[in-house]
Amino acid sequence: MFFSWFSKTRSESYRQRTIKDHEKIWKGISIRKPEIALTAMQSHIDVIRERFFEKNI
């Protein structure tokens, strides 16, 4: 299951989404707003979990 999911993470659209998620997390950290970083990280983890278990990348 992991390898099937992982191979799909190499797509350009997946990478762009991941970059945007990480930028949101970094923004919260860089402006010293932990609540923004926390919300962005929780959202990012939710998306990853959904994609992993549904194989909907």
C-alpha atoms as a PDB file:
ATOM      1  CA  MET A   1       0.000   0.000   0.000  1.00  0.00           C
ATOM      2  CA  PHE A   2       2.770   2.450   0.897  1.00  0.00           C
ATOM      3  CA  PHE A   3       4.643   2.042  -2.380  1.00  0.00           C
ATOM      4  CA  SER A   4       1.472   2.548  -4.398  1.00  0.00           C
ATOM      5  CA  TRP A   5       0.777   5.762  -2.488  1.00  0.00           C
ATOM      6  CA  PHE A   6       4.376   6.947  -2.530  1.00  0.00           C
ATOM      7  CA  SER A   7       4.765   6.582  -6.287  1.00  0.00           C
ATOM      8  CA  LYS A   8       1.751   8.835  -6.802  1.00  0.00           C
ATOM      9  CA  THR A   9       3.282  11.532  -4.603  1.00  0.00           C
ATOM     10  CA  ARG A  10       5.830  12.201  -7.324  1.00  0.00           C
ATOM     11  CA  SER A  11       3.269  14.005  -9.497  1.00  0.00           C
ATOM     12  CA  GLU A  12       3.715  17.729 -10.116  1.00  0.00           C
ATOM     13  CA  SER A  13       0.265  18.621  -8.767  1.00  0.00           C
ATOM     14  CA  TYR A  14       0.909  16.724  -5.544  1.00  0.00           C
ATOM     15  CA  ARG A  15       4.264  18.423  -5.102  1.00  0.00           C
ATOM     16  CA  GLN A  16       2.780  21.873  -5.696  1.00  0.00           C
ATOM     17  CA  ARG A  17       0.062  21.229  -3.104  1.00  0.00           C
ATOM     18  CA  THR A  18       2.677  20.071  -0.614  1.00  0.00           C
ATOM     19  CA  ILE A  19       4.790  23.177  -1.212  1.00  0.00           C
ATOM     20  CA  LYS A  20       1.766  25.425  -0.631  1.00  0.00           C
ATOM     21  CA  ASP A  21       0.938  23.571   2.575  1.00  0.00           C
ATOM     22  CA  HIS A  22       4.489  23.934   3.833  1.00  0.00           C
ATOM     23  CA  GLU A  23       4.544  27.639   2.937  1.00  0.00           C
ATOM     24  CA  LYS A  24       1.434  28.174   5.079  1.00  0.00           C
ATOM     25  CA  ILE A  25       3.064  26.346   7.977  1.00  0.00           C
ATOM     26  CA  TRP A  26       6.270  28.366   7.593  1.00  0.00           C
ATOM     27  CA  LYS A  27       4.323  31.634   7.419  1.00  0.00           C
ATOM     28  CA  GLY A  28       2.774  30.955  10.818  1.00  0.00           C
ATOM     29  CA  ILE A  29       6.168  30.131  12.279  1.00  0.00           C
ATOM     30  CA  SER A  30       7.945  33.097  10.694  1.00  0.00           C
ATOM     31  CA  ILE A  31       5.410  35.656  11.932  1.00  0.00           C
ATOM     32  CA  ARG A  32       5.391  34.012  15.356  1.00  0.00           C
ATOM     33  CA  LYS A  33       1.752  32.994  15.194  1.00  0.00           C
ATOM     34  CA  PRO A  34       1.712  29.419  16.473  1.00  0.00           C
ATOM     35  CA  GLU A  35      -2.050  29.136  16.005  1.00  0.00           C
ATOM     36  CA  ILE A  36      -1.641  29.768  12.256  1.00  0.00           C
ATOM     37  CA  ALA A  37       1.190  27.236  12.000  1.00  0.00           C
ATOM     38  CA  LEU A  38      -0.772  24.688  14.028  1.00  0.00           C
ATOM     39  CA  THR A  39      -3.910  25.053  11.918  1.00  0.00           C
ATOM     40  CA  ALA A  40      -1.900  24.775   8.698  1.00  0.00           C
ATOM     41  CA  MET A  41      -0.060  21.695   9.969  1.00  0.00           C
ATOM     42  CA  GLN A  42      -3.275  20.001  11.062  1.00  0.00           C
ATOM     43  CA  SER A  43      -4.806  20.686   7.656  1.00  0.00           C
ATOM     44  CA  HIS A  44      -1.727  19.312   5.910  1.00  0.00           C
ATOM     45  CA  ILE A  45      -1.782  16.127   7.985  1.00  0.00           C
ATOM     46  CA  ASP A  46      -5.513  15.687   7.340  1.00  0.00           C
ATOM     47  CA  VAL A  47      -4.944  15.888   3.578  1.00  0.00           C
ATOM     48  CA  ILE A  48      -2.086  13.392   3.728  1.00  0.00           C
ATOM     49  CA  ARG A  49      -4.120  10.990   5.861  1.00  0.00           C
ATOM     50  CA  GLU A  50      -7.098  11.191   3.497  1.00  0.00           C
ATOM     51  CA  ARG A  51      -4.908  10.654   0.454  1.00  0.00           C
ATOM     52  CA  PHE A  52      -3.064   7.757   2.040  1.00  0.00           C
ATOM     53  CA  PHE A  53      -6.116   5.829   3.171  1.00  0.00           C
ATOM     54  CA  GLU A  54      -8.269   6.625   0.152  1.00  0.00           C
ATOM     55  CA  LYS A  55      -5.390   6.432  -2.330  1.00  0.00           C
ATOM     56  CA  ASN A  56      -6.881   9.601  -3.748  1.00  0.00           C
ATOM     57  CA  ILE A  57      -3.791  11.510  -4.746  1.00  0.00           C
END
